[in-house]
Amino acid sequence: MDDLAREYPVLTRDRQAMADLVRSALGPLTTARGGAQPLLDTLTAYFDSGCVAAEAARRLTLSVRALTYRLERIHKLTGANPADPAHRYTLQTAVIGARLLDWPAKEI
């Protein structure tokens, strides 16, 4: 986490604002069967792979179909489409914030 905090210092300045973003953007993932963590891991792999589904699926040892199903589920739960550039920034920032705040393992 310290490396992540050094990489994104602006995001660590206002912890409350980041917590609010994580709750509002990613909070609905907690209602998913299996909890938020698998879907958060999916978003992390997807964004870390440059939004290339095949690469993200390889990183998670999933089929591409399973990965795209998870992305569709995320869209359905949050209302934000990870493949849409208009939604991607908010989701990606929230994912980084979740990692910084150790969410969902810790209550924020």
PDB file of N, CA and C in Angstrom:
ATOM      1  N   MET A   1       0.813  -1.187   0.000  1.00  0.00           N
ATOM      2  CA  MET A   1       0.000   0.000   0.000  1.00  0.00           C
ATOM      3  C   MET A   1       0.861   1.257   0.000  1.00  0.00           C
ATOM      4  N   ASP A   2       2.010   1.241   0.643  1.00  0.00           N
ATOM      5  CA  ASP A   2       2.859   2.424   0.673  1.00  0.00           C
ATOM      6  C   ASP A   2       3.300   2.826  -0.732  1.00  0.00           C
ATOM      7  N   ASP A   3       3.617   1.834  -1.595  1.00  0.00           N
ATOM      8  CA  ASP A   3       3.978   2.139  -2.976  1.00  0.00           C
ATOM      9  C   ASP A   3       2.809   2.788  -3.697  1.00  0.00           C
ATOM     10  N   LEU A   4       1.624   2.282  -3.460  1.00  0.00           N
ATOM     11  CA  LEU A   4       0.425   2.836  -4.081  1.00  0.00           C
ATOM     12  C   LEU A   4       0.190   4.267  -3.606  1.00  0.00           C
ATOM     13  N   ALA A   5       0.387   4.514  -2.322  1.00  0.00           N
ATOM     14  CA  ALA A   5       0.214   5.862  -1.774  1.00  0.00           C
ATOM     15  C   ALA A   5       1.240   6.829  -2.368  1.00  0.00           C
ATOM     16  N   ARG A   6       2.459   6.357  -2.580  1.00  0.00           N
ATOM     17  CA  ARG A   6       3.480   7.214  -3.193  1.00  0.00           C
ATOM     18  C   ARG A   6       3.158   7.483  -4.656  1.00  0.00           C
ATOM     19  N   GLU A   7       2.556   6.515  -5.321  1.00  0.00           N
ATOM     20  CA  GLU A   7       2.231   6.657  -6.733  1.00  0.00           C
ATOM     21  C   GLU A   7       1.057   7.617  -6.952  1.00  0.00           C
ATOM     22  N   TYR A   8       0.138   7.663  -6.011  1.00  0.00           N
ATOM     23  CA  TYR A   8      -1.061   8.503  -6.128  1.00  0.00           C
ATOM     24  C   TYR A   8      -1.208   9.419  -4.914  1.00  0.00           C
ATOM     25  N   PRO A   9      -0.269  10.341  -4.699  1.00  0.00           N
ATOM     26  CA  PRO A   9      -0.318  11.166  -3.485  1.00  0.00           C
ATOM     27  C   PRO A   9      -1.557  12.057  -3.404  1.00  0.00           C
ATOM     28  N   VAL A  10      -2.061  12.516  -4.526  1.00  0.00           N
ATOM     29  CA  VAL A  10      -3.231  13.394  -4.510  1.00  0.00           C
ATOM     30  C   VAL A  10      -4.446  12.644  -3.968  1.00  0.00           C
ATOM     31  N   LEU A  11      -4.549  11.367  -4.305  1.00  0.00           N
ATOM     32  CA  LEU A  11      -5.692  10.582  -3.864  1.00  0.00           C
ATOM     33  C   LEU A  11      -5.666  10.295  -2.365  1.00  0.00           C
ATOM     34  N   THR A  12      -4.507  10.389  -1.762  1.00  0.00           N
ATOM     35  CA  THR A  12      -4.410  10.086  -0.330  1.00  0.00           C
ATOM     36  C   THR A  12      -4.622  11.319   0.549  1.00  0.00           C
ATOM     37  N   ARG A  13      -4.740  12.477  -0.052  1.00  0.00           N
ATOM     38  CA  ARG A  13      -4.859  13.714   0.739  1.00  0.00           C
ATOM     39  C   ARG A  13      -6.187  13.846   1.453  1.00  0.00           C
ATOM     40  N   ASP A  14      -7.267  13.453   0.798  1.00  0.00           N
ATOM     41  CA  ASP A  14      -8.590  13.601   1.400  1.00  0.00           C
ATOM     42  C   ASP A  14      -9.219  12.219   1.563  1.00  0.00           C
ATOM     43  N   ARG A  15      -8.909  11.598   2.690  1.00  0.00           N
ATOM     44  CA  ARG A  15      -9.363  10.233   2.942  1.00  0.00           C
ATOM     45  C   ARG A  15     -10.875  10.134   2.924  1.00  0.00           C
ATOM     46  N   GLN A  16     -11.562  11.119   3.483  1.00  0.00           N
ATOM     47  CA  GLN A  16     -13.025  11.070   3.539  1.00  0.00           C
ATOM     48  C   GLN A  16     -13.640  11.139   2.145  1.00  0.00           C
ATOM     49  N   ALA A  17     -13.107  12.009   1.299  1.00  0.00           N
ATOM     50  CA  ALA A  17     -13.617  12.112  -0.070  1.00  0.00           C
ATOM     51  C   ALA A  17     -13.390  10.800  -0.821  1.00  0.00           C
ATOM     52  N   MET A  18     -12.221  10.190  -0.605  1.00  0.00           N
ATOM     53  CA  MET A  18     -11.937   8.918  -1.270  1.00  0.00           C
ATOM     54  C   MET A  18     -12.869   7.828  -0.755  1.00  0.00           C
ATOM     55  N   ALA A  19     -13.095   7.796   0.544  1.00  0.00           N
ATOM     56  CA  ALA A  19     -14.014   6.810   1.115  1.00  0.00           C
ATOM     57  C   ALA A  19     -15.424   6.985   0.552  1.00  0.00           C
ATOM     58  N   ASP A  20     -15.854   8.232   0.403  1.00  0.00           N
ATOM     59  CA  ASP A  20     -17.171   8.510  -0.175  1.00  0.00           C
ATOM     60  C   ASP A  20     -17.254   8.012  -1.614  1.00  0.00           C
ATOM     61  N   LEU A  21     -16.192   8.240  -2.383  1.00  0.00           N
ATOM     62  CA  LEU A  21     -16.162   7.770  -3.769  1.00  0.00           C
ATOM     63  C   LEU A  21     -16.223   6.248  -3.820  1.00  0.00           C
ATOM     64  N   VAL A  22     -15.431   5.586  -2.997  1.00  0.00           N
ATOM     65  CA  VAL A  22     -15.419   4.113  -2.978  1.00  0.00           C
ATOM     66  C   VAL A  22     -16.805   3.590  -2.616  1.00  0.00           C
ATOM     67  N   ARG A  23     -17.404   4.155  -1.586  1.00  0.00           N
ATOM     68  CA  ARG A  23     -18.741   3.711  -1.171  1.00  0.00           C
ATOM     69  C   ARG A  23     -19.771   3.927  -2.270  1.00  0.00           C
ATOM     70  N   SER A  24     -19.754   5.099  -2.897  1.00  0.00           N
ATOM     71  CA  SER A  24     -20.790   5.393  -3.895  1.00  0.00           C
ATOM     72  C   SER A  24     -20.565   4.626  -5.199  1.00  0.00           C
ATOM     73  N   ALA A  25     -19.321   4.499  -5.639  1.00  0.00           N
ATOM     74  CA  ALA A  25     -19.046   3.833  -6.920  1.00  0.00           C
ATOM     75  C   ALA A  25     -18.997   2.321  -6.803  1.00  0.00           C
ATOM     76  N   LEU A  26     -18.447   1.811  -5.708  1.00  0.00           N
ATOM     77  CA  LEU A  26     -18.224   0.370  -5.579  1.00  0.00           C
ATOM     78  C   LEU A  26     -19.094  -0.293  -4.521  1.00  0.00           C
ATOM     79  N   GLY A  27     -19.720   0.481  -3.664  1.00  0.00           N
ATOM     80  CA  GLY A  27     -20.558  -0.072  -2.603  1.00  0.00           C
ATOM     81  C   GLY A  27     -21.563  -1.105  -3.072  1.00  0.00           C
ATOM     82  N   PRO A  28     -22.239  -0.897  -4.215  1.00  0.00           N
ATOM     83  CA  PRO A  28     -23.201  -1.900  -4.676  1.00  0.00           C
ATOM     84  C   PRO A  28     -22.595  -3.285  -4.931  1.00  0.00           C
ATOM     85  N   LEU A  29     -21.286  -3.361  -5.102  1.00  0.00           N
ATOM     86  CA  LEU A  29     -20.645  -4.664  -5.334  1.00  0.00           C
ATOM     87  C   LEU A  29     -20.756  -5.568  -4.112  1.00  0.00           C
ATOM     88  N   THR A  30     -20.978  -4.992  -2.942  1.00  0.00           N
ATOM     89  CA  THR A  30     -21.079  -5.807  -1.727  1.00  0.00           C
ATOM     90  C   THR A  30     -22.320  -6.691  -1.735  1.00  0.00           C
ATOM     91  N   THR A  31     -23.295  -6.379  -2.594  1.00  0.00           N
ATOM     92  CA  THR A  31     -24.523  -7.187  -2.668  1.00  0.00           C
ATOM     93  C   THR A  31     -24.362  -8.401  -3.575  1.00  0.00           C
ATOM     94  N   ALA A  32     -23.248  -8.500  -4.270  1.00  0.00           N
ATOM     95  CA  ALA A  32     -23.018  -9.624  -5.180  1.00  0.00           C
ATOM     96  C   ALA A  32     -22.784 -10.911  -4.404  1.00  0.00           C
ATOM     97  N   ARG A  33     -23.210 -12.012  -4.992  1.00  0.00           N
ATOM     98  CA  ARG A  33     -22.922 -13.315  -4.387  1.00  0.00           C
ATOM     99  C   ARG A  33     -21.406 -13.459  -4.343  1.00  0.00           C
ATOM    100  N   GLY A  34     -20.875 -13.784  -3.201  1.00  0.00           N
ATOM    101  CA  GLY A  34     -19.427 -13.894  -3.039  1.00  0.00           C
ATOM    102  C   GLY A  34     -18.789 -12.601  -2.569  1.00  0.00           C
ATOM    103  N   GLY A  35     -19.587 -11.541  -2.459  1.00  0.00           N
ATOM    104  CA  GLY A  35     -19.073 -10.269  -1.965  1.00  0.00           C
ATOM    105  C   GLY A  35     -18.400  -9.438  -3.038  1.00  0.00           C
ATOM    106  N   ALA A  36     -17.852  -8.331  -2.619  1.00  0.00           N
ATOM    107  CA  ALA A  36     -17.263  -7.358  -3.539  1.00  0.00           C
ATOM    108  C   ALA A  36     -15.875  -7.748  -4.032  1.00  0.00           C
ATOM    109  N   GLN A  37     -15.121  -8.520  -3.241  1.00  0.00           N
ATOM    110  CA  GLN A  37     -13.705  -8.743  -3.566  1.00  0.00           C
ATOM    111  C   GLN A  37     -13.468  -9.359  -4.949  1.00  0.00           C
ATOM    112  N   PRO A  38     -14.188 -10.410  -5.351  1.00  0.00           N
ATOM    113  CA  PRO A  38     -13.930 -10.955  -6.694  1.00  0.00           C
ATOM    114  C   PRO A  38     -14.185  -9.940  -7.811  1.00  0.00           C
ATOM    115  N   LEU A  39     -15.205  -9.114  -7.651  1.00  0.00           N
ATOM    116  CA  LEU A  39     -15.495  -8.110  -8.670  1.00  0.00           C
ATOM    117  C   LEU A  39     -14.479  -6.972  -8.623  1.00  0.00           C
ATOM    118  N   LEU A  40     -14.020  -6.634  -7.442  1.00  0.00           N
ATOM    119  CA  LEU A  40     -12.962  -5.637  -7.310  1.00  0.00           C
ATOM    120  C   LEU A  40     -11.669  -6.156  -7.944  1.00  0.00           C
ATOM    121  N   ASP A  41     -11.356  -7.422  -7.725  1.00  0.00           N
ATOM    122  CA  ASP A  41     -10.183  -8.031  -8.361  1.00  0.00           C
ATOM    123  C   ASP A  41     -10.316  -8.017  -9.880  1.00  0.00           C
ATOM    124  N   THR A  42     -11.535  -8.229 -10.365  1.00  0.00           N
ATOM    125  CA  THR A  42     -11.791  -8.198 -11.805  1.00  0.00           C
ATOM    126  C   THR A  42     -11.507  -6.808 -12.361  1.00  0.00           C
ATOM    127  N   LEU A  43     -12.017  -5.788 -11.689  1.00  0.00           N
ATOM    128  CA  LEU A  43     -11.763  -4.419 -12.144  1.00  0.00           C
ATOM    129  C   LEU A  43     -10.277  -4.086 -12.093  1.00  0.00           C
ATOM    130  N   THR A  44      -9.608  -4.499 -11.040  1.00  0.00           N
ATOM    131  CA  THR A  44      -8.171  -4.230 -10.909  1.00  0.00           C
ATOM    132  C   THR A  44      -7.408  -4.862 -12.068  1.00  0.00           C
ATOM    133  N   ALA A  45      -7.679  -6.129 -12.349  1.00  0.00           N
ATOM    134  CA  ALA A  45      -6.986  -6.812 -13.449  1.00  0.00           C
ATOM    135  C   ALA A  45      -7.328  -6.170 -14.783  1.00  0.00           C
ATOM    136  N   TYR A  46      -8.588  -5.806 -14.964  1.00  0.00           N
ATOM    137  CA  TYR A  46      -9.031  -5.189 -16.219  1.00  0.00           C
ATOM    138  C   TYR A  46      -8.320  -3.860 -16.452  1.00  0.00           C
ATOM    139  N   PHE A  47      -8.279  -3.013 -15.428  1.00  0.00           N
ATOM    140  CA  PHE A  47      -7.618  -1.722 -15.581  1.00  0.00           C
ATOM    141  C   PHE A  47      -6.103  -1.878 -15.695  1.00  0.00           C
ATOM    142  N   ASP A  48      -5.519  -2.779 -14.907  1.00  0.00           N
ATOM    143  CA  ASP A  48      -4.071  -2.995 -14.951  1.00  0.00           C
ATOM    144  C   ASP A  48      -3.609  -3.579 -16.280  1.00  0.00           C
ATOM    145  N   SER A  49      -4.517  -4.229 -17.003  1.00  0.00           N
ATOM    146  CA  SER A  49      -4.164  -4.820 -18.297  1.00  0.00           C
ATOM    147  C   SER A  49      -4.484  -3.872 -19.453  1.00  0.00           C
ATOM    148  N   GLY A  50      -4.775  -2.614 -19.142  1.00  0.00           N
ATOM    149  CA  GLY A  50      -5.084  -1.655 -20.192  1.00  0.00           C
ATOM    150  C   GLY A  50      -6.464  -1.859 -20.794  1.00  0.00           C
ATOM    151  N   CYS A  51      -7.363  -2.443 -20.002  1.00  0.00           N
ATOM    152  CA  CYS A  51      -8.750  -2.709 -20.411  1.00  0.00           C
ATOM    153  C   CYS A  51      -8.817  -3.710 -21.571  1.00  0.00           C
ATOM    154  N   VAL A  52      -7.882  -4.654 -21.561  1.00  0.00           N
ATOM    155  CA  VAL A  52      -7.879  -5.737 -22.543  1.00  0.00           C
ATOM    156  C   VAL A  52      -8.431  -6.980 -21.843  1.00  0.00           C
ATOM    157  N   ALA A  53      -9.631  -7.386 -22.242  1.00  0.00           N
ATOM    158  CA  ALA A  53     -10.330  -8.481 -21.555  1.00  0.00           C
ATOM    159  C   ALA A  53      -9.532  -9.779 -21.573  1.00  0.00           C
ATOM    160  N   ALA A  54      -8.923 -10.119 -22.699  1.00  0.00           N
ATOM    161  CA  ALA A  54      -8.174 -11.382 -22.787  1.00  0.00           C
ATOM    162  C   ALA A  54      -7.004 -11.390 -21.804  1.00  0.00           C
ATOM    163  N   GLU A  55      -6.299 -10.278 -21.709  1.00  0.00           N
ATOM    164  CA  GLU A  55      -5.167 -10.197 -20.779  1.00  0.00           C
ATOM    165  C   GLU A  55      -5.646 -10.229 -19.333  1.00  0.00           C
ATOM    166  N   ALA A  56      -6.709  -9.508 -19.037  1.00  0.00           N
ATOM    167  CA  ALA A  56      -7.258  -9.516 -17.674  1.00  0.00           C
ATOM    168  C   ALA A  56      -7.715 -10.921 -17.293  1.00  0.00           C
ATOM    169  N   ALA A  57      -8.349 -11.616 -18.220  1.00  0.00           N
ATOM    170  CA  ALA A  57      -8.796 -12.990 -17.953  1.00  0.00           C
ATOM    171  C   ALA A  57      -7.604 -13.887 -17.654  1.00  0.00           C
ATOM    172  N   ARG A  58      -6.524 -13.745 -18.420  1.00  0.00           N
ATOM    173  CA  ARG A  58      -5.307 -14.544 -18.155  1.00  0.00           C
ATOM    174  C   ARG A  58      -4.761 -14.262 -16.767  1.00  0.00           C
ATOM    175  N   ARG A  59      -4.727 -13.001 -16.381  1.00  0.00           N
ATOM    176  CA  ARG A  59      -4.201 -12.631 -15.058  1.00  0.00           C
ATOM    177  C   ARG A  59      -5.025 -13.239 -13.927  1.00  0.00           C
ATOM    178  N   LEU A  60      -6.317 -13.408 -14.166  1.00  0.00           N
ATOM    179  CA  LEU A  60      -7.210 -13.964 -13.145  1.00  0.00           C
ATOM    180  C   LEU A  60      -7.438 -15.460 -13.314  1.00  0.00           C
ATOM    181  N   THR A  61      -6.798 -16.049 -14.316  1.00  0.00           N
ATOM    182  CA  THR A  61      -7.010 -17.453 -14.693  1.00  0.00           C
ATOM    183  C   THR A  61      -8.501 -17.757 -14.874  1.00  0.00           C
ATOM    184  N   LEU A  62      -9.150 -16.907 -15.661  1.00  0.00           N
ATOM    185  CA  LEU A  62     -10.557 -17.070 -16.029  1.00  0.00           C
ATOM    186  C   LEU A  62     -10.656 -17.175 -17.541  1.00  0.00           C
ATOM    187  N   SER A  63     -11.784 -17.648 -18.006  1.00  0.00           N
ATOM    188  CA  SER A  63     -12.055 -17.567 -19.439  1.00  0.00           C
ATOM    189  C   SER A  63     -12.446 -16.119 -19.744  1.00  0.00           C
ATOM    190  N   VAL A  64     -12.298 -15.742 -20.997  1.00  0.00           N
ATOM    191  CA  VAL A  64     -12.696 -14.395 -21.394  1.00  0.00           C
ATOM    192  C   VAL A  64     -14.190 -14.218 -21.154  1.00  0.00           C
ATOM    193  N   ARG A  65     -14.968 -15.265 -21.402  1.00  0.00           N
ATOM    194  CA  ARG A  65     -16.420 -15.188 -21.180  1.00  0.00           C
ATOM    195  C   ARG A  65     -16.734 -14.936 -19.705  1.00  0.00           C
ATOM    196  N   ALA A  66     -16.022 -15.621 -18.803  1.00  0.00           N
ATOM    197  CA  ALA A  66     -16.245 -15.404 -17.372  1.00  0.00           C
ATOM    198  C   ALA A  66     -15.889 -13.971 -16.986  1.00  0.00           C
ATOM    199  N   LEU A  67     -14.809 -13.453 -17.547  1.00  0.00           N
ATOM    200  CA  LEU A  67     -14.412 -12.084 -17.249  1.00  0.00           C
ATOM    201  C   LEU A  67     -15.459 -11.101 -17.772  1.00  0.00           C
ATOM    202  N   THR A  68     -15.918 -11.288 -19.000  1.00  0.00           N
ATOM    203  CA  THR A  68     -16.913 -10.354 -19.539  1.00  0.00           C
ATOM    204  C   THR A  68     -18.230 -10.470 -18.776  1.00  0.00           C
ATOM    205  N   TYR A  69     -18.562 -11.672 -18.294  1.00  0.00           N
ATOM    206  CA  TYR A  69     -19.745 -11.809 -17.448  1.00  0.00           C
ATOM    207  C   TYR A  69     -19.587 -10.971 -16.177  1.00  0.00           C
ATOM    208  N   ARG A  70     -18.405 -11.033 -15.560  1.00  0.00           N
ATOM    209  CA  ARG A  70     -18.167 -10.239 -14.346  1.00  0.00           C
ATOM    210  C   ARG A  70     -18.258  -8.743 -14.639  1.00  0.00           C
ATOM    211  N   LEU A  71     -17.713  -8.308 -15.777  1.00  0.00           N
ATOM    212  CA  LEU A  71     -17.795  -6.901 -16.140  1.00  0.00           C
ATOM    213  C   LEU A  71     -19.250  -6.475 -16.351  1.00  0.00           C
ATOM    214  N   GLU A  72     -20.040  -7.346 -16.956  1.00  0.00           N
ATOM    215  CA  GLU A  72     -21.466  -7.064 -17.131  1.00  0.00           C
ATOM    216  C   GLU A  72     -22.168  -6.981 -15.781  1.00  0.00           C
ATOM    217  N   ARG A  73     -21.794  -7.868 -14.866  1.00  0.00           N
ATOM    218  CA  ARG A  73     -22.378  -7.866 -13.518  1.00  0.00           C
ATOM    219  C   ARG A  73     -22.034  -6.569 -12.784  1.00  0.00           C
ATOM    220  N   ILE A  74     -20.792  -6.129 -12.914  1.00  0.00           N
ATOM    221  CA  ILE A  74     -20.362  -4.865 -12.315  1.00  0.00           C
ATOM    222  C   ILE A  74     -21.200  -3.722 -12.874  1.00  0.00           C
ATOM    223  N   HIS A  75     -21.396  -3.716 -14.187  1.00  0.00           N
ATOM    224  CA  HIS A  75     -22.207  -2.680 -14.827  1.00  0.00           C
ATOM    225  C   HIS A  75     -23.632  -2.701 -14.287  1.00  0.00           C
ATOM    226  N   LYS A  76     -24.188  -3.887 -14.165  1.00  0.00           N
ATOM    227  CA  LYS A  76     -25.558  -4.019 -13.673  1.00  0.00           C
ATOM    228  C   LYS A  76     -25.684  -3.540 -12.225  1.00  0.00           C
ATOM    229  N   LEU A  77     -24.716  -3.893 -11.391  1.00  0.00           N
ATOM    230  CA  LEU A  77     -24.780  -3.523  -9.975  1.00  0.00           C
ATOM    231  C   LEU A  77     -24.510  -2.041  -9.734  1.00  0.00           C
ATOM    232  N   THR A  78     -23.536  -1.485 -10.435  1.00  0.00           N
ATOM    233  CA  THR A  78     -23.114  -0.116 -10.157  1.00  0.00           C
ATOM    234  C   THR A  78     -23.740   0.923 -11.080  1.00  0.00           C
ATOM    235  N   GLY A  79     -24.205   0.479 -12.226  1.00  0.00           N
ATOM    236  CA  GLY A  79     -24.701   1.419 -13.232  1.00  0.00           C
ATOM    237  C   GLY A  79     -23.582   2.040 -14.053  1.00  0.00           C
ATOM    238  N   ALA A  80     -22.347   1.673 -13.761  1.00  0.00           N
ATOM    239  CA  ALA A  80     -21.185   2.195 -14.483  1.00  0.00           C
ATOM    240  C   ALA A  80     -20.578   1.078 -15.327  1.00  0.00           C
ATOM    241  N   ASN A  81     -20.333   1.369 -16.587  1.00  0.00           N
ATOM    242  CA  ASN A  81     -19.782   0.385 -17.513  1.00  0.00           C
ATOM    243  C   ASN A  81     -18.263   0.543 -17.583  1.00  0.00           C
ATOM    244  N   PRO A  82     -17.514  -0.458 -17.117  1.00  0.00           N
ATOM    245  CA  PRO A  82     -16.054  -0.349 -17.139  1.00  0.00           C
ATOM    246  C   PRO A  82     -15.470  -0.168 -18.543  1.00  0.00           C
ATOM    247  N   ALA A  83     -16.195  -0.585 -19.567  1.00  0.00           N
ATOM    248  CA  ALA A  83     -15.706  -0.462 -20.940  1.00  0.00           C
ATOM    249  C   ALA A  83     -15.999   0.913 -21.545  1.00  0.00           C
ATOM    250  N   ASP A  84     -16.797   1.717 -20.869  1.00  0.00           N
ATOM    251  CA  ASP A  84     -17.171   3.043 -21.368  1.00  0.00           C
ATOM    252  C   ASP A  84     -16.224   4.080 -20.780  1.00  0.00           C
ATOM    253  N   PRO A  85     -15.494   4.804 -21.648  1.00  0.00           N
ATOM    254  CA  PRO A  85     -14.548   5.798 -21.136  1.00  0.00           C
ATOM    255  C   PRO A  85     -15.179   6.829 -20.200  1.00  0.00           C
ATOM    256  N   ALA A  86     -16.451   7.129 -20.392  1.00  0.00           N
ATOM    257  CA  ALA A  86     -17.116   8.105 -19.534  1.00  0.00           C
ATOM    258  C   ALA A  86     -17.251   7.590 -18.101  1.00  0.00           C
ATOM    259  N   HIS A  87     -17.355   6.275 -17.927  1.00  0.00           N
ATOM    260  CA  HIS A  87     -17.492   5.680 -16.600  1.00  0.00           C
ATOM    261  C   HIS A  87     -16.164   5.166 -16.060  1.00  0.00           C
ATOM    262  N   ARG A  88     -15.248   4.881 -16.953  1.00  0.00           N
ATOM    263  CA  ARG A  88     -13.998   4.225 -16.575  1.00  0.00           C
ATOM    264  C   ARG A  88     -13.194   5.023 -15.556  1.00  0.00           C
ATOM    265  N   TYR A  89     -13.108   6.328 -15.734  1.00  0.00           N
ATOM    266  CA  TYR A  89     -12.289   7.145 -14.829  1.00  0.00           C
ATOM    267  C   TYR A  89     -12.787   7.036 -13.391  1.00  0.00           C
ATOM    268  N   THR A  90     -14.088   7.160 -13.214  1.00  0.00           N
ATOM    269  CA  THR A  90     -14.651   7.081 -11.864  1.00  0.00           C
ATOM    270  C   THR A  90     -14.391   5.711 -11.259  1.00  0.00           C
ATOM    271  N   LEU A  91     -14.664   4.665 -12.031  1.00  0.00           N
ATOM    272  CA  LEU A  91     -14.437   3.311 -11.513  1.00  0.00           C
ATOM    273  C   LEU A  91     -12.969   3.064 -11.199  1.00  0.00           C
ATOM    274  N   GLN A  92     -12.091   3.478 -12.096  1.00  0.00           N
ATOM    275  CA  GLN A  92     -10.667   3.226 -11.877  1.00  0.00           C
ATOM    276  C   GLN A  92     -10.157   4.003 -10.664  1.00  0.00           C
ATOM    277  N   THR A  93     -10.596   5.228 -10.499  1.00  0.00           N
ATOM    278  CA  THR A  93     -10.197   6.008  -9.322  1.00  0.00           C
ATOM    279  C   THR A  93     -10.723   5.353  -8.059  1.00  0.00           C
ATOM    280  N   ALA A  94     -11.976   4.877  -8.096  1.00  0.00           N
ATOM    281  CA  ALA A  94     -12.556   4.200  -6.930  1.00  0.00           C
ATOM    282  C   ALA A  94     -11.807   2.907  -6.616  1.00  0.00           C
ATOM    283  N   VAL A  95     -11.385   2.177  -7.631  1.00  0.00           N
ATOM    284  CA  VAL A  95     -10.625   0.938  -7.415  1.00  0.00           C
ATOM    285  C   VAL A  95      -9.287   1.247  -6.749  1.00  0.00           C
ATOM    286  N   ILE A  96      -8.626   2.291  -7.204  1.00  0.00           N
ATOM    287  CA  ILE A  96      -7.365   2.696  -6.572  1.00  0.00           C
ATOM    288  C   ILE A  96      -7.629   3.095  -5.125  1.00  0.00           C
ATOM    289  N   GLY A  97      -8.697   3.844  -4.899  1.00  0.00           N
ATOM    290  CA  GLY A  97      -9.063   4.234  -3.535  1.00  0.00           C
ATOM    291  C   GLY A  97      -9.364   3.038  -2.664  1.00  0.00           C
ATOM    292  N   ALA A  98     -10.054   2.056  -3.213  1.00  0.00           N
ATOM    293  CA  ALA A  98     -10.358   0.841  -2.449  1.00  0.00           C
ATOM    294  C   ALA A  98      -9.073   0.141  -2.032  1.00  0.00           C
ATOM    295  N   ARG A  99      -8.108   0.105  -2.938  1.00  0.00           N
ATOM    296  CA  ARG A  99      -6.825  -0.517  -2.596  1.00  0.00           C
ATOM    297  C   ARG A  99      -6.111   0.288  -1.512  1.00  0.00           C
ATOM    298  N   LEU A 100      -6.141   1.610  -1.622  1.00  0.00           N
ATOM    299  CA  LEU A 100      -5.499   2.461  -0.616  1.00  0.00           C
ATOM    300  C   LEU A 100      -6.151   2.307   0.759  1.00  0.00           C
ATOM    301  N   LEU A 101      -7.475   2.139   0.772  1.00  0.00           N
ATOM    302  CA  LEU A 101      -8.223   2.049   2.028  1.00  0.00           C
ATOM    303  C   LEU A 101      -8.429   0.611   2.504  1.00  0.00           C
ATOM    304  N   ASP A 102      -7.905  -0.348   1.745  1.00  0.00           N
ATOM    305  CA  ASP A 102      -8.057  -1.776   2.052  1.00  0.00           C
ATOM    306  C   ASP A 102      -9.535  -2.174   2.155  1.00  0.00           C
ATOM    307  N   TRP A 103     -10.320  -1.621   1.259  1.00  0.00           N
ATOM    308  CA  TRP A 103     -11.742  -1.936   1.164  1.00  0.00           C
ATOM    309  C   TRP A 103     -11.923  -3.088   0.192  1.00  0.00           C
ATOM    310  N   PRO A 104     -12.730  -4.035   0.418  1.00  0.00           N
ATOM    311  CA  PRO A 104     -13.772  -4.156   1.418  1.00  0.00           C
ATOM    312  C   PRO A 104     -13.352  -4.875   2.709  1.00  0.00           C
ATOM    313  N   ALA A 105     -12.079  -5.241   2.821  1.00  0.00           N
ATOM    314  CA  ALA A 105     -11.645  -5.938   4.039  1.00  0.00           C
ATOM    315  C   ALA A 105     -11.865  -5.080   5.281  1.00  0.00           C
ATOM    316  N   LYS A 106     -11.664  -3.778   5.146  1.00  0.00           N
ATOM    317  CA  LYS A 106     -11.874  -2.854   6.271  1.00  0.00           C
ATOM    318  C   LYS A 106     -13.070  -1.969   5.973  1.00  0.00           C
ATOM    319  N   GLU A 107     -13.851  -1.735   6.979  1.00  0.00           N
ATOM    320  CA  GLU A 107     -15.010  -0.838   6.868  1.00  0.00           C
ATOM    321  C   GLU A 107     -14.509   0.597   6.701  1.00  0.00           C
ATOM    322  N   ILE A 108     -15.123   1.325   5.783  1.00  0.00           N
ATOM    323  CA  ILE A 108     -14.718   2.724   5.587  1.00  0.00           C
ATOM    324  C   ILE A 108     -15.880   3.645   5.858  1.00  0.00           C
TER     325      ILE A 108
END
